[in-house]
Amino acid sequence: PLELPSSEPIVLDGDGAEQFDRAYDAYFAIQKSLAADQTPSPSEL
């Protein structure tokens, strides 16, 4: 597995937090599409 540091990340607030969660929600949608043997939709990309 990818070796990652065990440091505690900071938590954003405001617009930065929303943009971060929006990016990872799109990533999760792409992950589900690949697991279902489907190419990710252009909108999610």
ModelCIF file with pLDDT and N, C-alpha, C, O atoms, coordinates in Angstrom:
data_MODEL
#
_entry.id   MODEL 
#
_entity.id                         1 
_entity.type                       polymer 
_entity.pdbx_number_of_molecules   1 
#
_entity_poly.entity_id                      1 
_entity_poly.type                           'polypeptide(L)' 
_entity_poly.nstd_linkage                   no 
_entity_poly.nstd_monomer                   no 
_entity_poly.pdbx_seq_one_letter_code       PLELPSSEPIVLDGDGAEQFDRAYDAYFAIQKSLAADQTPSPSEL 
_entity_poly.pdbx_seq_one_letter_code_can   PLELPSSEPIVLDGDGAEQFDRAYDAYFAIQKSLAADQTPSPSEL 
_entity_poly.pdbx_strand_id                 A 
#
loop_
_entity_poly_seq.entity_id 
_entity_poly_seq.num 
_entity_poly_seq.mon_id 
_entity_poly_seq.hetero 
1 1  PRO n 
1 2  LEU n 
1 3  GLU n 
1 4  LEU n 
1 5  PRO n 
1 6  SER n 
1 7  SER n 
1 8  GLU n 
1 9  PRO n 
1 10 ILE n 
1 11 VAL n 
1 12 LEU n 
1 13 ASP n 
1 14 GLY n 
1 15 ASP n 
1 16 GLY n 
1 17 ALA n 
1 18 GLU n 
1 19 GLN n 
1 20 PHE n 
1 21 ASP n 
1 22 ARG n 
1 23 ALA n 
1 24 TYR n 
1 25 ASP n 
1 26 ALA n 
1 27 TYR n 
1 28 PHE n 
1 29 ALA n 
1 30 ILE n 
1 31 GLN n 
1 32 LYS n 
1 33 SER n 
1 34 LEU n 
1 35 ALA n 
1 36 ALA n 
1 37 ASP n 
1 38 GLN n 
1 39 THR n 
1 40 PRO n 
1 41 SER n 
1 42 PRO n 
1 43 SER n 
1 44 GLU n 
1 45 LEU n 
#
_struct_asym.id          A 
_struct_asym.entity_id   1 
#
loop_
_ma_qa_metric.id 
_ma_qa_metric.mode 
_ma_qa_metric.name 
_ma_qa_metric.software_group_id 
_ma_qa_metric.type 
1 global pLDDT . pLDDT 
2 local  pLDDT . pLDDT 
#
_ma_qa_metric_global.metric_id      1 
_ma_qa_metric_global.metric_value   89.51 
_ma_qa_metric_global.model_id       1 
_ma_qa_metric_global.ordinal_id     1 
#
loop_
_ma_qa_metric_local.label_asym_id 
_ma_qa_metric_local.label_comp_id 
_ma_qa_metric_local.label_seq_id 
_ma_qa_metric_local.metric_id 
_ma_qa_metric_local.metric_value 
_ma_qa_metric_local.model_id 
_ma_qa_metric_local.ordinal_id 
A PRO 1  2 88.00 1 1  
A LEU 2  2 87.00 1 2  
A GLU 3  2 84.00 1 3  
A LEU 4  2 86.00 1 4  
A PRO 5  2 82.00 1 5  
A SER 6  2 79.00 1 6  
A SER 7  2 79.00 1 7  
A GLU 8  2 85.00 1 8  
A PRO 9  2 89.00 1 9  
A ILE 10 2 89.00 1 10 
A VAL 11 2 89.00 1 11 
A LEU 12 2 88.00 1 12 
A ASP 13 2 83.00 1 13 
A GLY 14 2 83.00 1 14 
A ASP 15 2 84.00 1 15 
A GLY 16 2 84.00 1 16 
A ALA 17 2 88.00 1 17 
A GLU 18 2 89.00 1 18 
A GLN 19 2 89.00 1 19 
A PHE 20 2 91.00 1 20 
A ASP 21 2 91.00 1 21 
A ARG 22 2 91.00 1 22 
A ALA 23 2 92.00 1 23 
A TYR 24 2 93.00 1 24 
A ASP 25 2 93.00 1 25 
A ALA 26 2 93.00 1 26 
A TYR 27 2 94.00 1 27 
A PHE 28 2 94.00 1 28 
A ALA 29 2 93.00 1 29 
A ILE 30 2 94.00 1 30 
A GLN 31 2 94.00 1 31 
A LYS 32 2 94.00 1 32 
A SER 33 2 93.00 1 33 
A LEU 34 2 94.00 1 34 
A ALA 35 2 93.00 1 35 
A ALA 36 2 93.00 1 36 
A ASP 37 2 93.00 1 37 
A GLN 38 2 93.00 1 38 
A THR 39 2 91.00 1 39 
A PRO 40 2 92.00 1 40 
A SER 41 2 90.00 1 41 
A PRO 42 2 90.00 1 42 
A SER 43 2 91.00 1 43 
A GLU 44 2 91.00 1 44 
A LEU 45 2 92.00 1 45 
#
loop_
_atom_site.group_PDB 
_atom_site.id 
_atom_site.type_symbol 
_atom_site.label_atom_id 
_atom_site.label_alt_id 
_atom_site.label_comp_id 
_atom_site.label_asym_id 
_atom_site.label_entity_id 
_atom_site.label_seq_id 
_atom_site.pdbx_PDB_ins_code 
_atom_site.Cartn_x 
_atom_site.Cartn_y 
_atom_site.Cartn_z 
_atom_site.occupancy 
_atom_site.B_iso_or_equiv 
_atom_site.pdbx_formal_charge 
_atom_site.auth_seq_id 
_atom_site.auth_comp_id 
_atom_site.auth_asym_id 
_atom_site.auth_atom_id 
_atom_site.pdbx_PDB_model_num 
ATOM 1   N N  . PRO A 1 1  ? 0.825   -1.217 0.000   1.00 88.00 ? 1  PRO A N  1 
ATOM 2   C CA . PRO A 1 1  ? 0.000   0.000  0.000   1.00 88.00 ? 1  PRO A CA 1 
ATOM 3   C C  . PRO A 1 1  ? 0.852   1.256  0.000   1.00 88.00 ? 1  PRO A C  1 
ATOM 4   O O  . PRO A 1 1  ? 2.006   1.241  0.430   1.00 88.00 ? 1  PRO A O  1 
ATOM 5   N N  . LEU A 1 2  ? 0.271   2.342  -0.486  1.00 87.00 ? 2  LEU A N  1 
ATOM 6   C CA . LEU A 1 2  ? 0.954   3.627  -0.512  1.00 87.00 ? 2  LEU A CA 1 
ATOM 7   C C  . LEU A 1 2  ? 1.271   4.060  0.919   1.00 87.00 ? 2  LEU A C  1 
ATOM 8   O O  . LEU A 1 2  ? 0.390   4.091  1.778   1.00 87.00 ? 2  LEU A O  1 
ATOM 9   N N  . GLU A 1 3  ? 2.534   4.392  1.163   1.00 84.00 ? 3  GLU A N  1 
ATOM 10  C CA . GLU A 1 3  ? 2.943   4.824  2.493   1.00 84.00 ? 3  GLU A CA 1 
ATOM 11  C C  . GLU A 1 3  ? 2.571   6.289  2.678   1.00 84.00 ? 3  GLU A C  1 
ATOM 12  O O  . GLU A 1 3  ? 2.964   7.150  1.890   1.00 84.00 ? 3  GLU A O  1 
ATOM 13  N N  . LEU A 1 4  ? 1.806   6.557  3.732   1.00 86.00 ? 4  LEU A N  1 
ATOM 14  C CA . LEU A 1 4  ? 1.323   7.906  4.018   1.00 86.00 ? 4  LEU A CA 1 
ATOM 15  C C  . LEU A 1 4  ? 1.745   8.316  5.421   1.00 86.00 ? 4  LEU A C  1 
ATOM 16  O O  . LEU A 1 4  ? 1.828   7.472  6.314   1.00 86.00 ? 4  LEU A O  1 
ATOM 17  N N  . PRO A 1 5  ? 2.012   9.597  5.625   1.00 82.00 ? 5  PRO A N  1 
ATOM 18  C CA . PRO A 1 5  ? 2.362   10.054 6.980   1.00 82.00 ? 5  PRO A CA 1 
ATOM 19  C C  . PRO A 1 5  ? 1.155   9.969  7.897   1.00 82.00 ? 5  PRO A C  1 
ATOM 20  O O  . PRO A 1 5  ? 0.011   10.010 7.445   1.00 82.00 ? 5  PRO A O  1 
ATOM 21  N N  . SER A 1 6  ? 1.420   9.852  9.166   1.00 79.00 ? 6  SER A N  1 
ATOM 22  C CA . SER A 1 6  ? 0.337   9.719  10.153  1.00 79.00 ? 6  SER A CA 1 
ATOM 23  C C  . SER A 1 6  ? -0.006  11.043 10.812  1.00 79.00 ? 6  SER A C  1 
ATOM 24  O O  . SER A 1 6  ? -0.614  11.059 11.882  1.00 79.00 ? 6  SER A O  1 
ATOM 25  N N  . SER A 1 7  ? 0.376   12.163 10.188  1.00 79.00 ? 7  SER A N  1 
ATOM 26  C CA . SER A 1 7  ? 0.105   13.472 10.773  1.00 79.00 ? 7  SER A CA 1 
ATOM 27  C C  . SER A 1 7  ? -1.385  13.792 10.720  1.00 79.00 ? 7  SER A C  1 
ATOM 28  O O  . SER A 1 7  ? -2.123  13.266 9.887   1.00 79.00 ? 7  SER A O  1 
ATOM 29  N N  . GLU A 1 8  ? -1.808  14.663 11.629  1.00 85.00 ? 8  GLU A N  1 
ATOM 30  C CA . GLU A 1 8  ? -3.208  15.065 11.706  1.00 85.00 ? 8  GLU A CA 1 
ATOM 31  C C  . GLU A 1 8  ? -3.486  16.172 10.694  1.00 85.00 ? 8  GLU A C  1 
ATOM 32  O O  . GLU A 1 8  ? -2.869  17.234 10.775  1.00 85.00 ? 8  GLU A O  1 
ATOM 33  N N  . PRO A 1 9  ? -4.391  15.958 9.747   1.00 89.00 ? 9  PRO A N  1 
ATOM 34  C CA . PRO A 1 9  ? -4.669  17.011 8.760   1.00 89.00 ? 9  PRO A CA 1 
ATOM 35  C C  . PRO A 1 9  ? -5.511  18.128 9.358   1.00 89.00 ? 9  PRO A C  1 
ATOM 36  O O  . PRO A 1 9  ? -6.226  17.939 10.342  1.00 89.00 ? 9  PRO A O  1 
ATOM 37  N N  . ILE A 1 10 ? -5.405  19.299 8.734   1.00 89.00 ? 10 ILE A N  1 
ATOM 38  C CA . ILE A 1 10 ? -6.251  20.408 9.149   1.00 89.00 ? 10 ILE A CA 1 
ATOM 39  C C  . ILE A 1 10 ? -7.595  20.304 8.432   1.00 89.00 ? 10 ILE A C  1 
ATOM 40  O O  . ILE A 1 10 ? -7.693  19.677 7.377   1.00 89.00 ? 10 ILE A O  1 
ATOM 41  N N  . VAL A 1 11 ? -8.613  20.910 8.999   1.00 89.00 ? 11 VAL A N  1 
ATOM 42  C CA . VAL A 1 11 ? -9.964  20.896 8.431   1.00 89.00 ? 11 VAL A CA 1 
ATOM 43  C C  . VAL A 1 11 ? -10.313 22.307 7.988   1.00 89.00 ? 11 VAL A C  1 
ATOM 44  O O  . VAL A 1 11 ? -10.303 23.242 8.789   1.00 89.00 ? 11 VAL A O  1 
ATOM 45  N N  . LEU A 1 12 ? -10.620 22.451 6.712   1.00 88.00 ? 12 LEU A N  1 
ATOM 46  C CA . LEU A 1 12 ? -10.980 23.753 6.171   1.00 88.00 ? 12 LEU A CA 1 
ATOM 47  C C  . LEU A 1 12 ? -12.388 24.135 6.589   1.00 88.00 ? 12 LEU A C  1 
ATOM 48  O O  . LEU A 1 12 ? -13.161 23.303 7.063   1.00 88.00 ? 12 LEU A O  1 
ATOM 49  N N  . ASP A 1 13 ? -12.703 25.401 6.405   1.00 83.00 ? 13 ASP A N  1 
ATOM 50  C CA . ASP A 1 13 ? -14.078 25.854 6.596   1.00 83.00 ? 13 ASP A CA 1 
ATOM 51  C C  . ASP A 1 13 ? -14.433 26.801 5.463   1.00 83.00 ? 13 ASP A C  1 
ATOM 52  O O  . ASP A 1 13 ? -13.567 27.211 4.690   1.00 83.00 ? 13 ASP A O  1 
ATOM 53  N N  . GLY A 1 14 ? -15.694 27.141 5.369   1.00 83.00 ? 14 GLY A N  1 
ATOM 54  C CA . GLY A 1 14 ? -16.141 28.064 4.337   1.00 83.00 ? 14 GLY A CA 1 
ATOM 55  C C  . GLY A 1 14 ? -16.099 27.442 2.945   1.00 83.00 ? 14 GLY A C  1 
ATOM 56  O O  . GLY A 1 14 ? -16.332 26.246 2.773   1.00 83.00 ? 14 GLY A O  1 
ATOM 57  N N  . ASP A 1 15 ? -15.793 28.292 1.946   1.00 84.00 ? 15 ASP A N  1 
ATOM 58  C CA . ASP A 1 15 ? -15.768 27.837 0.553   1.00 84.00 ? 15 ASP A CA 1 
ATOM 59  C C  . ASP A 1 15 ? -14.695 26.780 0.310   1.00 84.00 ? 15 ASP A C  1 
ATOM 60  O O  . ASP A 1 15 ? -14.894 25.869 -0.494  1.00 84.00 ? 15 ASP A O  1 
ATOM 61  N N  . GLY A 1 16 ? -13.553 26.895 1.002   1.00 84.00 ? 16 GLY A N  1 
ATOM 62  C CA . GLY A 1 16 ? -12.492 25.916 0.820   1.00 84.00 ? 16 GLY A CA 1 
ATOM 63  C C  . GLY A 1 16 ? -12.935 24.518 1.193   1.00 84.00 ? 16 GLY A C  1 
ATOM 64  O O  . GLY A 1 16 ? -12.611 23.559 0.492   1.00 84.00 ? 16 GLY A O  1 
ATOM 65  N N  . ALA A 1 17 ? -13.676 24.385 2.293   1.00 88.00 ? 17 ALA A N  1 
ATOM 66  C CA . ALA A 1 17 ? -14.168 23.072 2.718   1.00 88.00 ? 17 ALA A CA 1 
ATOM 67  C C  . ALA A 1 17 ? -15.167 22.518 1.711   1.00 88.00 ? 17 ALA A C  1 
ATOM 68  O O  . ALA A 1 17 ? -15.142 21.326 1.402   1.00 88.00 ? 17 ALA A O  1 
ATOM 69  N N  . GLU A 1 18 ? -16.046 23.377 1.195   1.00 89.00 ? 18 GLU A N  1 
ATOM 70  C CA . GLU A 1 18 ? -17.036 22.916 0.217   1.00 89.00 ? 18 GLU A CA 1 
ATOM 71  C C  . GLU A 1 18 ? -16.359 22.454 -1.075  1.00 89.00 ? 18 GLU A C  1 
ATOM 72  O O  . GLU A 1 18 ? -16.748 21.438 -1.651  1.00 89.00 ? 18 GLU A O  1 
ATOM 73  N N  . GLN A 1 19 ? -15.349 23.198 -1.530  1.00 89.00 ? 19 GLN A N  1 
ATOM 74  C CA . GLN A 1 19 ? -14.639 22.797 -2.749  1.00 89.00 ? 19 GLN A CA 1 
ATOM 75  C C  . GLN A 1 19 ? -13.909 21.474 -2.547  1.00 89.00 ? 19 GLN A C  1 
ATOM 76  O O  . GLN A 1 19 ? -13.889 20.629 -3.441  1.00 89.00 ? 19 GLN A O  1 
ATOM 77  N N  . PHE A 1 20 ? -13.308 21.294 -1.368  1.00 91.00 ? 20 PHE A N  1 
ATOM 78  C CA . PHE A 1 20 ? -12.587 20.053 -1.098  1.00 91.00 ? 20 PHE A CA 1 
ATOM 79  C C  . PHE A 1 20 ? -13.544 18.865 -1.106  1.00 91.00 ? 20 PHE A C  1 
ATOM 80  O O  . PHE A 1 20 ? -13.262 17.848 -1.739  1.00 91.00 ? 20 PHE A O  1 
ATOM 81  N N  . ASP A 1 21 ? -14.664 18.986 -0.413  1.00 91.00 ? 21 ASP A N  1 
ATOM 82  C CA . ASP A 1 21 ? -15.632 17.886 -0.377  1.00 91.00 ? 21 ASP A CA 1 
ATOM 83  C C  . ASP A 1 21 ? -16.250 17.656 -1.751  1.00 91.00 ? 21 ASP A C  1 
ATOM 84  O O  . ASP A 1 21 ? -16.555 16.519 -2.110  1.00 91.00 ? 21 ASP A O  1 
ATOM 85  N N  . ARG A 1 22 ? -16.437 18.726 -2.522  1.00 91.00 ? 22 ARG A N  1 
ATOM 86  C CA . ARG A 1 22 ? -16.988 18.573 -3.867  1.00 91.00 ? 22 ARG A CA 1 
ATOM 87  C C  . ARG A 1 22 ? -16.023 17.779 -4.758  1.00 91.00 ? 22 ARG A C  1 
ATOM 88  O O  . ARG A 1 22 ? -16.449 16.942 -5.554  1.00 91.00 ? 22 ARG A O  1 
ATOM 89  N N  . ALA A 1 23 ? -14.731 18.048 -4.616  1.00 92.00 ? 23 ALA A N  1 
ATOM 90  C CA . ALA A 1 23 ? -13.741 17.303 -5.404  1.00 92.00 ? 23 ALA A CA 1 
ATOM 91  C C  . ALA A 1 23 ? -13.742 15.829 -5.032  1.00 92.00 ? 23 ALA A C  1 
ATOM 92  O O  . ALA A 1 23 ? -13.693 14.974 -5.916  1.00 92.00 ? 23 ALA A O  1 
ATOM 93  N N  . TYR A 1 24 ? -13.798 15.517 -3.756  1.00 93.00 ? 24 TYR A N  1 
ATOM 94  C CA . TYR A 1 24 ? -13.741 14.119 -3.340  1.00 93.00 ? 24 TYR A CA 1 
ATOM 95  C C  . TYR A 1 24 ? -15.061 13.399 -3.609  1.00 93.00 ? 24 TYR A C  1 
ATOM 96  O O  . TYR A 1 24 ? -15.063 12.187 -3.825  1.00 93.00 ? 24 TYR A O  1 
ATOM 97  N N  . ASP A 1 25 ? -16.177 14.118 -3.600  1.00 93.00 ? 25 ASP A N  1 
ATOM 98  C CA . ASP A 1 25 ? -17.444 13.486 -4.000  1.00 93.00 ? 25 ASP A CA 1 
ATOM 99  C C  . ASP A 1 25 ? -17.395 13.072 -5.472  1.00 93.00 ? 25 ASP A C  1 
ATOM 100 O O  . ASP A 1 25 ? -17.878 11.999 -5.836  1.00 93.00 ? 25 ASP A O  1 
ATOM 101 N N  . ALA A 1 26 ? -16.805 13.935 -6.322  1.00 93.00 ? 26 ALA A N  1 
ATOM 102 C CA . ALA A 1 26 ? -16.656 13.566 -7.733  1.00 93.00 ? 26 ALA A CA 1 
ATOM 103 C C  . ALA A 1 26 ? -15.715 12.375 -7.879  1.00 93.00 ? 26 ALA A C  1 
ATOM 104 O O  . ALA A 1 26 ? -15.932 11.511 -8.729  1.00 93.00 ? 26 ALA A O  1 
ATOM 105 N N  . TYR A 1 27 ? -14.672 12.326 -7.054  1.00 94.00 ? 27 TYR A N  1 
ATOM 106 C CA . TYR A 1 27 ? -13.756 11.179 -7.091  1.00 94.00 ? 27 TYR A CA 1 
ATOM 107 C C  . TYR A 1 27 ? -14.494 9.901  -6.701  1.00 94.00 ? 27 TYR A C  1 
ATOM 108 O O  . TYR A 1 27 ? -14.315 8.866  -7.344  1.00 94.00 ? 27 TYR A O  1 
ATOM 109 N N  . PHE A 1 28 ? -15.320 9.961  -5.659  1.00 94.00 ? 28 PHE A N  1 
ATOM 110 C CA . PHE A 1 28 ? -16.057 8.768  -5.224  1.00 94.00 ? 28 PHE A CA 1 
ATOM 111 C C  . PHE A 1 28 ? -17.012 8.290  -6.313  1.00 94.00 ? 28 PHE A C  1 
ATOM 112 O O  . PHE A 1 28 ? -17.191 7.085  -6.491  1.00 94.00 ? 28 PHE A O  1 
ATOM 113 N N  . ALA A 1 29 ? -17.627 9.222  -7.043  1.00 93.00 ? 29 ALA A N  1 
ATOM 114 C CA . ALA A 1 29 ? -18.523 8.838  -8.139  1.00 93.00 ? 29 ALA A CA 1 
ATOM 115 C C  . ALA A 1 29 ? -17.750 8.127  -9.250  1.00 93.00 ? 29 ALA A C  1 
ATOM 116 O O  . ALA A 1 29 ? -18.248 7.162  -9.830  1.00 93.00 ? 29 ALA A O  1 
ATOM 117 N N  . ILE A 1 30 ? -16.537 8.596  -9.551  1.00 94.00 ? 30 ILE A N  1 
ATOM 118 C CA . ILE A 1 30 ? -15.710 7.935  -10.565 1.00 94.00 ? 30 ILE A CA 1 
ATOM 119 C C  . ILE A 1 30 ? -15.315 6.546  -10.086 1.00 94.00 ? 30 ILE A C  1 
ATOM 120 O O  . ILE A 1 30 ? -15.310 5.598  -10.871 1.00 94.00 ? 30 ILE A O  1 
ATOM 121 N N  . GLN A 1 31 ? -14.984 6.419  -8.807  1.00 94.00 ? 31 GLN A N  1 
ATOM 122 C CA . GLN A 1 31 ? -14.600 5.115  -8.247  1.00 94.00 ? 31 GLN A CA 1 
ATOM 123 C C  . GLN A 1 31 ? -15.746 4.113  -8.343  1.00 94.00 ? 31 GLN A C  1 
ATOM 124 O O  . GLN A 1 31 ? -15.521 2.948  -8.670  1.00 94.00 ? 31 GLN A O  1 
ATOM 125 N N  . LYS A 1 32 ? -16.944 4.545  -8.068  1.00 94.00 ? 32 LYS A N  1 
ATOM 126 C CA . LYS A 1 32 ? -18.104 3.651  -8.159  1.00 94.00 ? 32 LYS A CA 1 
ATOM 127 C C  . LYS A 1 32 ? -18.367 3.230  -9.606  1.00 94.00 ? 32 LYS A C  1 
ATOM 128 O O  . LYS A 1 32 ? -18.721 2.081  -9.869  1.00 94.00 ? 32 LYS A O  1 
ATOM 129 N N  . SER A 1 33 ? -18.195 4.154  -10.529 1.00 93.00 ? 33 SER A N  1 
ATOM 130 C CA . SER A 1 33 ? -18.418 3.814  -11.943 1.00 93.00 ? 33 SER A CA 1 
ATOM 131 C C  . SER A 1 33 ? -17.426 2.750  -12.407 1.00 93.00 ? 33 SER A C  1 
ATOM 132 O O  . SER A 1 33 ? -17.814 1.805  -13.094 1.00 93.00 ? 33 SER A O  1 
ATOM 133 N N  . LEU A 1 34 ? -16.165 2.889  -12.046 1.00 94.00 ? 34 LEU A N  1 
ATOM 134 C CA . LEU A 1 34 ? -15.163 1.903  -12.443 1.00 94.00 ? 34 LEU A CA 1 
ATOM 135 C C  . LEU A 1 34 ? -15.435 0.557  -11.788 1.00 94.00 ? 34 LEU A C  1 
ATOM 136 O O  . LEU A 1 34 ? -15.250 -0.483 -12.419 1.00 94.00 ? 34 LEU A O  1 
ATOM 137 N N  . ALA A 1 35 ? -15.868 0.562  -10.538 1.00 93.00 ? 35 ALA A N  1 
ATOM 138 C CA . ALA A 1 35 ? -16.191 -0.699 -9.867  1.00 93.00 ? 35 ALA A CA 1 
ATOM 139 C C  . ALA A 1 35 ? -17.373 -1.390 -10.528 1.00 93.00 ? 35 ALA A C  1 
ATOM 140 O O  . ALA A 1 35 ? -17.486 -2.615 -10.477 1.00 93.00 ? 35 ALA A O  1 
ATOM 141 N N  . ALA A 1 36 ? -18.259 -0.609 -11.151 1.00 93.00 ? 36 ALA A N  1 
ATOM 142 C CA . ALA A 1 36 ? -19.425 -1.168 -11.841 1.00 93.00 ? 36 ALA A CA 1 
ATOM 143 C C  . ALA A 1 36 ? -19.133 -1.451 -13.313 1.00 93.00 ? 36 ALA A C  1 
ATOM 144 O O  . ALA A 1 36 ? -20.053 -1.686 -14.096 1.00 93.00 ? 36 ALA A O  1 
ATOM 145 N N  . ASP A 1 37 ? -17.857 -1.429 -13.690 1.00 93.00 ? 37 ASP A N  1 
ATOM 146 C CA . ASP A 1 37 ? -17.438 -1.688 -15.074 1.00 93.00 ? 37 ASP A CA 1 
ATOM 147 C C  . ASP A 1 37 ? -18.049 -0.681 -16.048 1.00 93.00 ? 37 ASP A C  1 
ATOM 148 O O  . ASP A 1 37 ? -18.405 -1.032 -17.173 1.00 93.00 ? 37 ASP A O  1 
ATOM 149 N N  . GLN A 1 38 ? -18.167 0.565  -15.609 1.00 93.00 ? 38 GLN A N  1 
ATOM 150 C CA . GLN A 1 38 ? -18.705 1.630  -16.448 1.00 93.00 ? 38 GLN A CA 1 
ATOM 151 C C  . GLN A 1 38 ? -17.682 2.764  -16.517 1.00 93.00 ? 38 GLN A C  1 
ATOM 152 O O  . GLN A 1 38 ? -17.042 3.095  -15.519 1.00 93.00 ? 38 GLN A O  1 
ATOM 153 N N  . THR A 1 39 ? -17.536 3.350  -17.696 1.00 91.00 ? 39 THR A N  1 
ATOM 154 C CA . THR A 1 39 ? -16.644 4.506  -17.805 1.00 91.00 ? 39 THR A CA 1 
ATOM 155 C C  . THR A 1 39 ? -17.288 5.701  -17.110 1.00 91.00 ? 39 THR A C  1 
ATOM 156 O O  . THR A 1 39 ? -18.493 5.911  -17.244 1.00 91.00 ? 39 THR A O  1 
ATOM 157 N N  . PRO A 1 40 ? -16.506 6.487  -16.372 1.00 92.00 ? 40 PRO A N  1 
ATOM 158 C CA . PRO A 1 40 ? -17.070 7.646  -15.664 1.00 92.00 ? 40 PRO A CA 1 
ATOM 159 C C  . PRO A 1 40 ? -17.706 8.631  -16.639 1.00 92.00 ? 40 PRO A C  1 
ATOM 160 O O  . PRO A 1 40 ? -17.250 8.792  -17.771 1.00 92.00 ? 40 PRO A O  1 
ATOM 161 N N  . SER A 1 41 ? -18.748 9.272  -16.184 1.00 90.00 ? 41 SER A N  1 
ATOM 162 C CA . SER A 1 41 ? -19.443 10.238 -17.031 1.00 90.00 ? 41 SER A CA 1 
ATOM 163 C C  . SER A 1 41 ? -18.597 11.494 -17.203 1.00 90.00 ? 41 SER A C  1 
ATOM 164 O O  . SER A 1 41 ? -17.855 11.860 -16.292 1.00 90.00 ? 41 SER A O  1 
ATOM 165 N N  . PRO A 1 42 ? -18.692 12.165 -18.356 1.00 90.00 ? 42 PRO A N  1 
ATOM 166 C CA . PRO A 1 42 ? -17.927 13.403 -18.558 1.00 90.00 ? 42 PRO A CA 1 
ATOM 167 C C  . PRO A 1 42 ? -18.251 14.476 -17.527 1.00 90.00 ? 42 PRO A C  1 
ATOM 168 O O  . PRO A 1 42 ? -17.388 15.282 -17.179 1.00 90.00 ? 42 PRO A O  1 
ATOM 169 N N  . SER A 1 43 ? -19.481 14.492 -17.037 1.00 91.00 ? 43 SER A N  1 
ATOM 170 C CA . SER A 1 43 ? -19.852 15.513 -16.051 1.00 91.00 ? 43 SER A CA 1 
ATOM 171 C C  . SER A 1 43 ? -19.079 15.328 -14.755 1.00 91.00 ? 43 SER A C  1 
ATOM 172 O O  . SER A 1 43 ? -18.645 16.311 -14.155 1.00 91.00 ? 43 SER A O  1 
ATOM 173 N N  . GLU A 1 44 ? -18.895 14.075 -14.305 1.00 91.00 ? 44 GLU A N  1 
ATOM 174 C CA . GLU A 1 44 ? -18.145 13.837 -13.077 1.00 91.00 ? 44 GLU A CA 1 
ATOM 175 C C  . GLU A 1 44 ? -16.672 14.179 -13.268 1.00 91.00 ? 44 GLU A C  1 
ATOM 176 O O  . GLU A 1 44 ? -16.039 14.731 -12.368 1.00 91.00 ? 44 GLU A O  1 
ATOM 177 N N  . LEU A 1 45 ? -16.129 13.853 -14.433 1.00 92.00 ? 45 LEU A N  1 
ATOM 178 C CA . LEU A 1 45 ? -14.738 14.205 -14.703 1.00 92.00 ? 45 LEU A CA 1 
ATOM 179 C C  . LEU A 1 45 ? -14.554 15.719 -14.722 1.00 92.00 ? 45 LEU A C  1 
ATOM 180 O O  . LEU A 1 45 ? -13.442 16.204 -14.934 1.00 92.00 ? 45 LEU A O  1 
#
